[in-house]
Amino acid sequence: MSNNLVNHNLVDVDFKEIIYELRPCLDKDGNAVDGLNNAWIFLNNPKQYNSYTTAAVKEIILAFRAASNDRSVVAVIFSAVGDKSFSTGGNTKQYAEYYAGRPMEYKQYMRLFNDMMTSILHCDKPVICRVNGMRVAGGQEIGMACDFTIASDLAVFGQAGPKHGSAPDGGSTDFLDLYVGIERAMQSGILCEMWSAYKAKNIGLISDAIPVLKVDGEFVRNPLLVTDQWINEAGDIVYGQNKSGDELKKGKEVLMNGEIDLSPLDDAVNALATKILYLMPECTSKTLNSLRKKKLEHWNRNSQTNRDWLAQNMVTEARAGFRAFNEGPKGNREVDFIKLRKMLAEGHPWDDELVEAILPK
């Protein structure tokens, strides 16, 4: 009978920019279930921290469409290759070298980006974000479009827009406060503060943080962080905070001498997918769509006008910010903010002279 089923995919694609795999579901005893799969979608650009190019965005859209339509798929796992980064967002080299100063081109790119976000939010299967490393900027946005997040405890989470010439209007200004509240959303979105995986778990951004560093054959928690919860002298709860001084130095030595093994992360992701396996599929889908409405209410209201603004911003601050990140030396990839503010205060127009004046030297 299955041979007579209609193919509802828009196109059948040979993925080149990403990896798309069907892996058998595991039952409660850990055995592979014949005929039922989870779809694993991997960003595959580890040399550039799994930033996504225009070509990759197209494939992600089609991958989620394929996973959504595949009758054998129970859940979708969205992740990336390697152990350093889930994604740092859009490819800043492409932004700087092609899109900077070309708002109409970037507007077309943002159409694709918006469709990528919508393909995640409209997927008929639960989507688990497997965070294998840093989830920053646009990577944070596509991650928050997912339904669950399980992360390596070495991962960090955050935004970078105002530091590098953009605003996190690809989803974070819609979703972040739903996860962590408006005050913390301000800290992340405006101040670009980075959160550890343990802090992200503690404030409700992710479901779990899994130790993946193996030292002398044993898994240990992130050695760069104080992972226990305590009350400091001011009476504040501190959790997942960075170590400092000698403790941080020792932690870095442990990290350097240890081995990163993501198998516990995979075990945790598979365990969550197994829980989904033992649920009524259409009741699960209806619950997903009902809960996703909170995200979609904001996304549908704002995504088009945000796209318009992000495109026009490629003429001004993004034009300078992405060039600074792409061209600046390591450790100095931001514009001269003080010079920028002074020149704008004097009425200087956004032109080549201003951009060149504020780029890092």
Protein backbone atom coordinates (compact mmCIF):
# COMPACT_ATOMS: atom_id res chain seq x y z
CA MET A 1 0.00 0.00 0.00
CA SER A 2 2.85 2.40 0.80
CA ASN A 3 3.92 2.37 -2.84
CA ASN A 4 0.68 4.15 -3.76
CA LEU A 5 1.09 7.01 -1.27
CA VAL A 6 1.36 10.51 -2.73
CA ASN A 7 4.68 12.39 -2.37
CA HIS A 8 3.86 15.81 -0.87
CA ASN A 9 7.39 17.24 -0.98
CA LEU A 10 7.84 20.32 -3.15
CA VAL A 11 11.03 18.85 -4.59
CA ASP A 12 13.29 15.92 -3.85
CA VAL A 13 16.75 17.23 -3.09
CA ASP A 14 20.27 15.87 -2.87
CA PHE A 15 21.56 17.73 0.17
CA LYS A 16 25.04 19.20 -0.22
CA GLU A 17 25.27 22.09 2.25
CA ILE A 18 23.73 20.23 5.18
CA ILE A 19 23.44 16.61 6.28
CA TYR A 20 20.04 14.90 6.39
CA GLU A 21 19.81 11.44 7.94
CA LEU A 22 17.04 9.08 8.97
CA ARG A 23 18.01 7.13 12.09
CA PRO A 24 15.82 4.40 13.60
CA CYS A 25 13.76 5.32 16.64
CA LEU A 26 14.76 3.58 19.85
CA ASP A 27 12.20 1.87 22.05
CA LYS A 28 12.23 1.96 25.87
CA ASP A 29 14.77 -0.84 25.94
CA GLY A 30 17.10 0.97 23.56
CA ASN A 31 16.32 -1.27 20.60
CA ALA A 32 15.96 0.11 17.08
CA VAL A 33 12.35 0.15 15.85
CA ASP A 34 11.96 -1.12 12.32
CA GLY A 35 10.06 1.27 10.06
CA LEU A 36 10.10 4.31 12.39
CA ASN A 37 12.77 7.00 12.29
CA ASN A 38 13.96 10.28 13.66
CA ALA A 39 15.19 12.81 11.10
CA TRP A 40 18.58 14.29 11.98
CA ILE A 41 19.40 17.60 10.28
CA PHE A 42 22.99 18.84 10.66
CA LEU A 43 24.44 22.21 9.74
CA ASN A 44 27.73 21.33 8.07
CA ASN A 45 30.09 24.30 8.11
CA PRO A 46 32.30 23.67 11.17
CA LYS A 47 35.23 25.74 9.87
CA GLN A 48 32.99 28.80 10.09
CA TYR A 49 31.25 27.74 13.31
CA ASN A 50 28.32 26.27 11.39
CA SER A 51 27.17 29.64 10.14
CA TYR A 52 24.60 29.16 7.39
CA THR A 53 25.07 30.41 3.85
CA THR A 54 22.22 31.28 1.51
CA ALA A 55 22.52 27.85 -0.11
CA ALA A 56 22.35 26.14 3.30
CA VAL A 57 19.22 28.08 4.26
CA LYS A 58 17.48 26.77 1.15
CA GLU A 59 18.37 23.20 2.06
CA ILE A 60 17.25 23.61 5.69
CA ILE A 61 13.81 24.70 4.45
CA LEU A 62 13.55 21.62 2.24
CA ALA A 63 14.92 19.33 4.96
CA PHE A 64 12.27 20.38 7.46
CA ARG A 65 9.62 20.03 4.81
CA ALA A 66 10.83 16.51 4.02
CA ALA A 67 10.96 15.51 7.68
CA SER A 68 7.50 16.96 8.29
CA ASN A 69 6.03 14.98 5.38
CA ASP A 70 7.85 11.70 6.05
CA ARG A 71 5.28 9.33 7.53
CA SER A 72 8.00 7.29 9.22
CA VAL A 73 9.47 10.25 11.14
CA VAL A 74 8.56 10.62 14.80
CA ALA A 75 10.80 13.56 15.79
CA VAL A 76 13.31 15.91 14.18
CA ILE A 77 16.72 16.55 15.71
CA PHE A 78 18.32 19.80 14.54
CA SER A 79 22.05 20.01 15.22
CA ALA A 80 25.44 20.65 13.63
CA VAL A 81 28.74 18.97 12.86
CA GLY A 82 31.56 19.09 15.42
CA ASP A 83 31.74 20.05 19.08
CA LYS A 84 32.47 23.79 18.93
CA SER A 85 29.30 25.37 17.60
CA PHE A 86 25.67 24.67 16.84
CA SER A 87 25.58 27.90 14.87
CA THR A 88 26.73 31.49 15.07
CA GLY A 89 23.99 32.53 12.65
CA GLY A 90 24.28 33.84 9.12
CA ASN A 91 27.61 33.59 7.39
CA THR A 92 29.30 36.92 8.19
CA LYS A 93 31.82 36.54 5.36
CA GLN A 94 28.97 36.33 2.88
CA TYR A 95 27.18 39.18 4.65
CA ALA A 96 30.28 41.40 4.52
CA GLU A 97 31.44 40.55 1.02
CA TYR A 98 28.10 40.29 -0.80
CA TYR A 99 25.13 41.65 1.14
CA ALA A 100 26.70 44.68 2.86
CA GLY A 101 25.48 47.81 1.07
CA ARG A 102 22.97 45.83 -1.04
CA PRO A 103 19.64 46.06 0.80
CA MET A 104 17.50 44.63 -1.99
CA GLU A 105 19.68 41.53 -2.16
CA TYR A 106 19.62 41.11 1.60
CA LYS A 107 15.84 41.49 1.59
CA GLN A 108 15.63 38.48 -0.71
CA TYR A 109 17.98 36.57 1.61
CA MET A 110 15.75 37.47 4.55
CA ARG A 111 12.78 36.03 2.70
CA LEU A 112 14.64 32.73 2.72
CA PHE A 113 15.60 33.17 6.37
CA ASN A 114 11.98 33.84 7.33
CA ASP A 115 10.89 30.76 5.41
CA MET A 116 13.52 28.72 7.27
CA MET A 117 12.16 29.88 10.62
CA THR A 118 8.61 29.16 9.52
CA SER A 119 9.58 25.69 8.29
CA ILE A 120 10.73 24.88 11.83
CA LEU A 121 7.67 26.42 13.49
CA HIS A 122 5.31 24.64 11.07
CA CYS A 123 6.98 21.22 11.19
CA ASP A 124 4.39 18.53 11.91
CA LYS A 125 6.88 16.66 14.11
CA PRO A 126 8.40 17.79 17.43
CA VAL A 127 11.77 19.46 16.87
CA ILE A 128 14.65 18.93 19.30
CA CYS A 129 17.61 21.29 19.11
CA ARG A 130 20.76 19.32 19.94
CA VAL A 131 23.22 22.03 20.92
CA ASN A 132 26.73 20.69 20.39
CA GLY A 133 28.48 24.03 21.02
CA MET A 134 27.86 27.77 21.01
CA ARG A 135 24.37 28.91 19.97
CA VAL A 136 24.72 32.58 19.20
CA ALA A 137 23.00 35.31 17.14
CA GLY A 138 20.98 33.74 14.30
CA GLY A 139 21.93 30.35 15.70
CA GLN A 140 20.12 31.28 18.88
CA GLU A 141 17.11 32.34 16.84
CA ILE A 142 16.76 29.14 14.83
CA GLY A 143 17.33 27.21 18.06
CA MET A 144 14.51 28.98 19.87
CA ALA A 145 12.18 28.18 17.00
CA CYS A 146 12.59 24.52 18.00
CA ASP A 147 10.36 22.87 20.59
CA PHE A 148 12.99 21.43 22.95
CA THR A 149 16.68 22.10 23.52
CA ILE A 150 19.24 19.77 25.05
CA ALA A 151 22.78 21.12 25.15
CA SER A 152 26.35 20.21 25.83
CA ASP A 153 27.29 21.87 29.11
CA LEU A 154 30.22 23.49 27.25
CA ALA A 155 27.77 25.46 25.10
CA VAL A 156 27.08 29.17 25.45
CA PHE A 157 23.97 31.07 24.39
CA GLY A 158 23.51 34.67 23.35
CA GLN A 159 23.01 37.46 20.86
CA ALA A 160 25.49 39.70 19.09
CA GLY A 161 23.40 42.10 16.99
CA PRO A 162 24.02 45.53 18.56
CA LYS A 163 27.74 44.76 18.82
CA HIS A 164 28.06 43.90 15.16
CA GLY A 165 25.59 46.15 13.39
CA SER A 166 22.23 44.41 13.56
CA ALA A 167 19.23 43.77 15.76
CA PRO A 168 18.12 40.26 16.80
CA ASP A 169 14.94 40.64 14.76
CA GLY A 170 15.18 37.20 13.14
CA GLY A 171 13.25 35.68 16.03
CA SER A 172 14.91 36.64 19.31
CA THR A 173 12.90 39.83 19.77
CA ASP A 174 9.83 37.64 19.24
CA PHE A 175 10.75 34.58 21.30
CA LEU A 176 13.36 35.38 23.93
CA ASP A 177 11.11 37.06 26.47
CA LEU A 178 8.66 34.13 26.19
CA TYR A 179 11.43 31.89 27.49
CA VAL A 180 13.24 34.04 30.06
CA GLY A 181 11.18 37.19 30.73
CA ILE A 182 11.59 40.73 29.47
CA GLU A 183 14.45 41.80 31.78
CA ARG A 184 16.72 38.92 30.86
CA ALA A 185 15.73 39.33 27.21
CA MET A 186 17.02 42.90 27.45
CA GLN A 187 20.29 41.69 28.94
CA SER A 188 20.79 39.22 26.10
CA GLY A 189 19.33 41.15 23.18
CA ILE A 190 20.72 44.61 23.93
CA LEU A 191 23.82 44.02 26.06
CA CYS A 192 24.78 40.81 24.21
CA GLU A 193 25.52 39.00 27.48
CA MET A 194 26.44 35.36 27.02
CA TRP A 195 24.86 32.65 29.16
CA SER A 196 26.35 29.32 30.13
CA ALA A 197 24.37 26.17 29.45
CA TYR A 198 23.65 25.84 33.18
CA LYS A 199 22.35 29.39 33.44
CA ALA A 200 20.28 28.80 30.29
CA LYS A 201 18.76 25.73 31.96
CA ASN A 202 18.20 27.55 35.24
CA ILE A 203 16.29 30.43 33.62
CA GLY A 204 14.15 28.21 31.38
CA LEU A 205 15.80 28.69 27.99
CA ILE A 206 16.71 25.02 27.56
CA SER A 207 15.58 21.65 28.90
CA ASP A 208 18.93 20.26 30.03
CA ALA A 209 22.71 20.66 30.02
CA ILE A 210 24.73 17.47 29.65
CA PRO A 211 28.41 17.02 30.66
CA VAL A 212 30.44 15.95 27.63
CA LEU A 213 34.04 16.45 28.80
CA LYS A 214 35.81 13.22 29.67
CA VAL A 215 38.80 13.37 32.02
CA ASP A 216 40.62 10.17 32.99
CA GLY A 217 37.73 8.14 31.64
CA GLU A 218 35.04 9.99 33.62
CA PHE A 219 32.63 12.69 32.49
CA VAL A 220 33.01 15.97 34.40
CA ARG A 221 31.00 19.15 34.41
CA ASN A 222 32.24 22.19 32.49
CA PRO A 223 35.48 23.06 34.36
CA LEU A 224 35.26 26.74 33.37
CA LEU A 225 32.10 27.23 35.43
CA VAL A 226 31.00 27.12 39.00
CA THR A 227 28.14 24.71 38.43
CA ASP A 228 26.78 24.47 41.95
CA GLN A 229 24.10 26.89 43.07
CA TRP A 230 24.83 29.15 46.03
CA ILE A 231 23.90 32.52 47.52
CA ASN A 232 26.48 35.28 47.21
CA GLU A 233 27.06 38.12 49.68
CA ALA A 234 24.41 40.26 48.00
CA GLY A 235 21.83 37.52 48.49
CA ASP A 236 21.62 36.67 44.78
CA ILE A 237 21.42 33.12 43.48
CA VAL A 238 24.50 32.37 41.38
CA TYR A 239 24.42 29.44 38.99
CA GLY A 240 26.60 28.50 36.05
CA GLN A 241 28.88 31.49 36.58
CA ASN A 242 32.35 31.71 35.04
CA LYS A 243 35.25 30.93 37.32
CA SER A 244 37.91 33.58 37.70
CA GLY A 245 41.58 33.91 38.55
CA ASP A 246 43.46 30.74 39.41
CA GLU A 247 40.28 28.66 39.34
CA LEU A 248 39.63 29.68 35.74
CA LYS A 249 43.25 28.91 34.80
CA LYS A 250 42.95 25.44 36.33
CA GLY A 251 39.64 24.93 34.54
CA LYS A 252 41.21 25.78 31.19
CA GLU A 253 43.96 23.23 31.83
CA VAL A 254 41.35 20.56 32.57
CA LEU A 255 39.49 21.47 29.39
CA MET A 256 42.66 21.33 27.30
CA ASN A 257 43.68 17.96 28.69
CA GLY A 258 40.22 16.40 28.51
CA GLU A 259 38.39 14.81 25.60
CA ILE A 260 35.02 16.01 24.32
CA ASP A 261 32.68 13.08 23.81
CA LEU A 262 29.14 13.96 22.70
CA SER A 263 27.71 10.48 23.25
CA PRO A 264 25.96 11.50 26.52
CA LEU A 265 24.34 14.36 24.61
CA ASP A 266 23.15 11.90 21.98
CA ASP A 267 21.83 9.60 24.71
CA ALA A 268 19.83 12.44 26.24
CA VAL A 269 18.43 13.50 22.86
CA ASN A 270 17.50 9.91 22.00
CA ALA A 271 15.84 9.49 25.41
CA LEU A 272 13.65 12.53 24.73
CA ALA A 273 12.81 11.25 21.23
CA THR A 274 11.85 7.90 22.78
CA LYS A 275 9.41 9.65 25.10
CA ILE A 276 7.82 11.23 22.04
CA LEU A 277 7.59 7.80 20.37
CA TYR A 278 5.20 6.66 23.11
CA LEU A 279 2.61 9.38 22.49
CA MET A 280 -0.43 9.64 20.23
CA PRO A 281 0.94 11.29 17.06
CA GLU A 282 -1.96 13.59 16.18
CA CYS A 283 -2.60 14.62 19.78
CA THR A 284 1.08 15.46 20.00
CA SER A 285 0.89 17.47 16.77
CA LYS A 286 -2.16 19.39 17.97
CA THR A 287 -0.49 20.20 21.29
CA LEU A 288 2.63 21.35 19.46
CA ASN A 289 0.66 23.67 17.23
CA SER A 290 -1.33 25.06 20.13
CA LEU A 291 1.78 25.80 22.18
CA ARG A 292 3.65 27.19 19.18
CA LYS A 293 0.88 29.79 18.71
CA LYS A 294 2.59 31.97 21.33
CA LYS A 295 5.71 32.15 19.20
CA LEU A 296 3.80 32.41 15.93
CA GLU A 297 1.65 35.29 17.16
CA HIS A 298 4.79 37.41 17.49
CA TRP A 299 6.60 35.93 14.49
CA ASN A 300 3.70 36.41 12.07
CA ARG A 301 3.09 39.95 13.29
CA ASN A 302 6.68 41.12 13.01
CA SER A 303 8.73 39.03 10.59
CA GLN A 304 7.86 40.92 7.40
CA THR A 305 8.46 44.42 8.74
CA ASN A 306 11.58 43.22 10.53
CA ARG A 307 12.78 41.88 7.19
CA ASP A 308 12.27 45.30 5.63
CA TRP A 309 14.27 47.02 8.38
CA LEU A 310 17.10 44.47 8.36
CA ALA A 311 17.46 44.97 4.61
CA GLN A 312 17.71 48.76 4.88
CA ASN A 313 20.15 48.42 7.78
CA MET A 314 22.60 46.83 5.33
CA VAL A 315 23.24 50.37 4.03
CA THR A 316 24.32 51.71 7.43
CA GLU A 317 25.28 49.91 10.64
CA ALA A 318 25.26 46.36 9.27
CA ARG A 319 27.42 47.47 6.37
CA ALA A 320 30.07 48.60 8.83
CA GLY A 321 29.55 45.98 11.52
CA PHE A 322 29.79 42.93 9.30
CA ARG A 323 32.85 44.31 7.53
CA ALA A 324 34.48 44.95 10.90
CA PHE A 325 33.83 41.37 12.00
CA ASN A 326 35.00 39.92 8.69
CA GLU A 327 38.08 42.11 8.17
CA GLY A 328 39.20 42.96 11.69
CA PRO A 329 42.12 41.18 13.38
CA LYS A 330 41.42 38.50 15.95
CA GLY A 331 40.30 40.09 19.20
CA ASN A 332 39.37 43.37 17.51
CA ARG A 333 36.36 42.79 15.29
CA GLU A 334 34.09 45.63 16.35
CA VAL A 335 33.82 49.14 15.00
CA ASP A 336 35.13 52.13 16.95
CA PHE A 337 31.84 52.86 18.73
CA ILE A 338 32.97 56.16 20.24
CA LYS A 339 34.20 57.52 16.92
CA LEU A 340 30.97 56.37 15.27
CA ARG A 341 28.80 58.13 17.84
CA LYS A 342 30.87 61.31 17.62
CA MET A 343 30.74 61.42 13.82
CA LEU A 344 26.97 60.84 13.82
CA ALA A 345 26.52 63.49 16.52
CA GLU A 346 28.35 65.94 14.22
CA GLY A 347 25.89 65.10 11.44
CA HIS A 348 28.25 63.03 9.32
CA PRO A 349 26.33 61.01 6.70
CA TRP A 350 26.56 57.24 6.41
CA ASP A 351 29.06 57.08 3.57
CA ASP A 352 32.31 55.34 2.67
CA GLU A 353 34.35 57.86 4.64
CA LEU A 354 32.46 57.11 7.85
CA VAL A 355 32.64 53.35 7.38
CA GLU A 356 36.37 53.39 6.72
CA ALA A 357 36.96 55.67 9.69
CA ILE A 358 35.35 53.31 12.20
CA LEU A 359 36.65 49.96 10.96
CA PRO A 360 39.16 48.25 13.26
CA LYS A 361 42.77 48.84 12.37
